Amino acid sequence: MTAGFRAGAATVLLVNEVNAHLATHEHTDLCISRLDELSGILENGFVGRLSREDGTNDTRVRAEGVLASGKGEI
């Protein structure tokens, strides 16, 4: 996540039980559970760097939701 962030890229975590802790990493912009979800997200446009100042970006809750539903989120 940090390497992508430092390169100026939006970062996407293909989340699973082993790496779910990275969902809370400050450099994680998006969590998905299946790689094929990414193509639709990219086709519709994706902007990284979700707002972290307002406290509404609880990435752990989002990652758990992705794991539970088996679907990506924007």
N, C-alpha and C. Protein backbone atom coordinates (compact mmCIF):
# COMPACT_ATOMS: atom_id res chain seq x y z
N MET A 1 0.81 -1.18 0.00
CA MET A 1 0.00 0.00 0.00
C MET A 1 0.87 1.26 0.00
N THR A 2 1.89 1.24 0.81
CA THR A 2 2.75 2.42 0.91
C THR A 2 3.51 2.67 -0.39
N ALA A 3 3.98 1.62 -1.03
CA ALA A 3 4.71 1.80 -2.30
C ALA A 3 3.80 2.43 -3.34
N GLY A 4 2.57 1.96 -3.44
CA GLY A 4 1.62 2.55 -4.38
C GLY A 4 1.30 3.99 -4.03
N PHE A 5 1.10 4.26 -2.76
CA PHE A 5 0.82 5.61 -2.29
C PHE A 5 1.97 6.55 -2.64
N ARG A 6 3.19 6.12 -2.36
CA ARG A 6 4.36 6.95 -2.64
C ARG A 6 4.57 7.17 -4.13
N ALA A 7 4.09 6.24 -4.94
CA ALA A 7 4.19 6.39 -6.39
C ALA A 7 3.07 7.27 -6.94
N GLY A 8 2.15 7.68 -6.08
CA GLY A 8 1.05 8.54 -6.50
C GLY A 8 -0.13 7.79 -7.08
N ALA A 9 -0.18 6.49 -6.83
CA ALA A 9 -1.26 5.66 -7.38
C ALA A 9 -2.38 5.48 -6.36
N ALA A 10 -3.57 5.24 -6.87
CA ALA A 10 -4.67 4.80 -6.00
C ALA A 10 -4.37 3.36 -5.62
N THR A 11 -4.64 3.00 -4.39
CA THR A 11 -4.32 1.66 -3.92
C THR A 11 -5.59 0.85 -3.71
N VAL A 12 -5.53 -0.41 -4.15
CA VAL A 12 -6.67 -1.32 -4.04
C VAL A 12 -6.20 -2.59 -3.32
N LEU A 13 -6.87 -2.93 -2.27
CA LEU A 13 -6.56 -4.14 -1.52
C LEU A 13 -7.50 -5.25 -1.95
N LEU A 14 -6.94 -6.32 -2.46
CA LEU A 14 -7.71 -7.53 -2.72
C LEU A 14 -7.75 -8.26 -1.39
N VAL A 15 -8.79 -7.99 -0.62
CA VAL A 15 -8.83 -8.37 0.79
C VAL A 15 -9.18 -9.85 0.96
N ASN A 16 -8.51 -10.45 1.94
CA ASN A 16 -8.80 -11.82 2.35
C ASN A 16 -8.54 -11.91 3.85
N GLU A 17 -8.69 -13.07 4.41
CA GLU A 17 -8.54 -13.23 5.86
C GLU A 17 -7.12 -12.93 6.34
N VAL A 18 -6.14 -13.14 5.48
CA VAL A 18 -4.74 -12.95 5.87
C VAL A 18 -4.35 -11.48 5.86
N ASN A 19 -4.86 -10.70 4.89
CA ASN A 19 -4.39 -9.31 4.76
C ASN A 19 -5.44 -8.28 5.18
N ALA A 20 -6.53 -8.71 5.79
CA ALA A 20 -7.60 -7.79 6.15
C ALA A 20 -7.12 -6.66 7.05
N HIS A 21 -6.06 -6.88 7.81
CA HIS A 21 -5.53 -5.81 8.66
C HIS A 21 -5.05 -4.62 7.85
N LEU A 22 -4.71 -4.82 6.58
CA LEU A 22 -4.27 -3.71 5.74
C LEU A 22 -5.42 -2.80 5.33
N ALA A 23 -6.64 -3.24 5.55
CA ALA A 23 -7.79 -2.39 5.22
C ALA A 23 -7.79 -1.12 6.06
N THR A 24 -7.20 -1.17 7.22
CA THR A 24 -7.14 0.02 8.07
C THR A 24 -5.90 0.85 7.82
N HIS A 25 -5.05 0.40 6.92
CA HIS A 25 -3.82 1.14 6.63
C HIS A 25 -4.16 2.48 6.00
N GLU A 26 -3.47 3.52 6.39
CA GLU A 26 -3.78 4.86 5.90
C GLU A 26 -3.59 5.02 4.40
N HIS A 27 -2.88 4.11 3.76
CA HIS A 27 -2.64 4.21 2.32
C HIS A 27 -3.56 3.31 1.49
N THR A 28 -4.54 2.66 2.11
CA THR A 28 -5.50 1.82 1.39
C THR A 28 -6.68 2.68 0.98
N ASP A 29 -6.93 2.76 -0.35
CA ASP A 29 -8.04 3.56 -0.85
C ASP A 29 -9.31 2.76 -1.08
N LEU A 30 -9.18 1.50 -1.47
CA LEU A 30 -10.33 0.71 -1.87
C LEU A 30 -10.09 -0.75 -1.49
N CYS A 31 -11.15 -1.43 -1.08
CA CYS A 31 -11.08 -2.86 -0.77
C CYS A 31 -12.03 -3.61 -1.69
N ILE A 32 -11.55 -4.70 -2.27
CA ILE A 32 -12.38 -5.59 -3.07
C ILE A 32 -12.13 -7.01 -2.60
N SER A 33 -13.05 -7.92 -2.92
CA SER A 33 -12.86 -9.30 -2.50
C SER A 33 -12.52 -10.22 -3.67
N ARG A 34 -12.80 -9.74 -4.90
CA ARG A 34 -12.47 -10.53 -6.10
C ARG A 34 -11.86 -9.61 -7.13
N LEU A 35 -10.85 -10.09 -7.83
CA LEU A 35 -10.14 -9.28 -8.79
C LEU A 35 -11.02 -8.81 -9.94
N ASP A 36 -12.00 -9.61 -10.34
CA ASP A 36 -12.86 -9.21 -11.45
C ASP A 36 -13.73 -8.00 -11.11
N GLU A 37 -13.88 -7.68 -9.84
CA GLU A 37 -14.62 -6.49 -9.43
C GLU A 37 -13.90 -5.21 -9.84
N LEU A 38 -12.60 -5.29 -9.98
CA LEU A 38 -11.80 -4.11 -10.27
C LEU A 38 -12.08 -3.57 -11.67
N SER A 39 -12.34 -4.42 -12.64
CA SER A 39 -12.55 -3.94 -14.01
C SER A 39 -13.78 -3.03 -14.07
N GLY A 40 -14.85 -3.39 -13.41
CA GLY A 40 -16.03 -2.53 -13.40
C GLY A 40 -15.79 -1.21 -12.70
N ILE A 41 -15.05 -1.25 -11.63
CA ILE A 41 -14.72 -0.03 -10.90
C ILE A 41 -13.89 0.90 -11.78
N LEU A 42 -12.91 0.35 -12.47
CA LEU A 42 -12.06 1.17 -13.33
C LEU A 42 -12.81 1.70 -14.55
N GLU A 43 -13.71 0.90 -15.10
CA GLU A 43 -14.51 1.35 -16.24
C GLU A 43 -15.40 2.53 -15.88
N ASN A 44 -15.89 2.55 -14.66
CA ASN A 44 -16.79 3.62 -14.22
C ASN A 44 -16.04 4.80 -13.62
N GLY A 45 -14.74 4.69 -13.53
CA GLY A 45 -13.93 5.76 -12.96
C GLY A 45 -13.67 5.53 -11.49
N PHE A 46 -12.46 5.78 -11.11
CA PHE A 46 -12.06 5.57 -9.73
C PHE A 46 -11.07 6.65 -9.34
N VAL A 47 -11.31 7.28 -8.23
CA VAL A 47 -10.40 8.29 -7.72
C VAL A 47 -9.95 7.83 -6.35
N GLY A 48 -8.66 7.78 -6.14
CA GLY A 48 -8.11 7.35 -4.86
C GLY A 48 -8.16 8.45 -3.82
N ARG A 49 -7.54 8.18 -2.72
CA ARG A 49 -7.41 9.11 -1.61
C ARG A 49 -8.75 9.49 -1.01
N LEU A 50 -9.43 8.52 -0.48
CA LEU A 50 -10.70 8.77 0.19
C LEU A 50 -10.49 9.70 1.37
N SER A 51 -11.46 10.48 1.66
CA SER A 51 -11.37 11.44 2.76
C SER A 51 -11.21 10.72 4.08
N ARG A 52 -10.22 11.12 4.82
CA ARG A 52 -9.99 10.53 6.13
C ARG A 52 -10.20 11.55 7.25
N GLU A 53 -10.41 12.79 6.87
CA GLU A 53 -10.54 13.83 7.89
C GLU A 53 -11.87 13.80 8.62
N ASP A 54 -12.95 13.42 7.93
CA ASP A 54 -14.27 13.52 8.55
C ASP A 54 -14.64 12.32 9.41
N GLY A 55 -13.79 11.30 9.44
CA GLY A 55 -14.05 10.16 10.30
C GLY A 55 -15.06 9.17 9.76
N THR A 56 -15.54 9.37 8.53
CA THR A 56 -16.55 8.46 7.98
C THR A 56 -15.94 7.32 7.20
N ASN A 57 -14.64 7.28 7.09
CA ASN A 57 -13.98 6.27 6.28
C ASN A 57 -13.43 5.15 7.16
N ASP A 58 -14.32 4.37 7.75
CA ASP A 58 -13.90 3.26 8.61
C ASP A 58 -13.58 2.06 7.72
N THR A 59 -12.32 1.94 7.34
CA THR A 59 -11.93 0.91 6.37
C THR A 59 -12.04 -0.49 6.94
N ARG A 60 -11.88 -0.69 8.22
CA ARG A 60 -12.03 -2.03 8.77
C ARG A 60 -13.46 -2.51 8.59
N VAL A 61 -14.43 -1.66 8.90
CA VAL A 61 -15.83 -2.02 8.72
C VAL A 61 -16.10 -2.27 7.24
N ARG A 62 -15.54 -1.45 6.35
CA ARG A 62 -15.73 -1.64 4.92
C ARG A 62 -15.12 -2.95 4.47
N ALA A 63 -13.94 -3.29 4.96
CA ALA A 63 -13.29 -4.56 4.57
C ALA A 63 -14.10 -5.75 5.05
N GLU A 64 -14.61 -5.67 6.26
CA GLU A 64 -15.44 -6.76 6.77
C GLU A 64 -16.69 -6.91 5.92
N GLY A 65 -17.26 -5.78 5.48
CA GLY A 65 -18.42 -5.84 4.61
C GLY A 65 -18.12 -6.47 3.27
N VAL A 66 -16.94 -6.16 2.73
CA VAL A 66 -16.52 -6.74 1.46
C VAL A 66 -16.34 -8.24 1.62
N LEU A 67 -15.70 -8.66 2.69
CA LEU A 67 -15.51 -10.10 2.93
C LEU A 67 -16.84 -10.80 3.12
N ALA A 68 -17.75 -10.18 3.83
CA ALA A 68 -19.04 -10.81 4.11
C ALA A 68 -19.91 -10.90 2.86
N SER A 69 -19.88 -9.87 2.03
CA SER A 69 -20.78 -9.84 0.87
C SER A 69 -20.17 -10.47 -0.36
N GLY A 70 -18.84 -10.56 -0.40
CA GLY A 70 -18.19 -11.09 -1.58
C GLY A 70 -18.24 -10.13 -2.75
N LYS A 71 -18.55 -8.86 -2.49
CA LYS A 71 -18.63 -7.85 -3.54
C LYS A 71 -17.73 -6.67 -3.18
N GLY A 72 -17.23 -6.02 -4.21
CA GLY A 72 -16.40 -4.83 -4.02
C GLY A 72 -17.24 -3.62 -3.67
N GLU A 73 -16.57 -2.56 -3.33
CA GLU A 73 -17.25 -1.32 -3.03
C GLU A 73 -16.46 -0.17 -3.59
N ILE A 74 -17.14 0.92 -3.79
CA ILE A 74 -16.48 2.11 -4.34
C ILE A 74 -16.26 3.10 -3.23
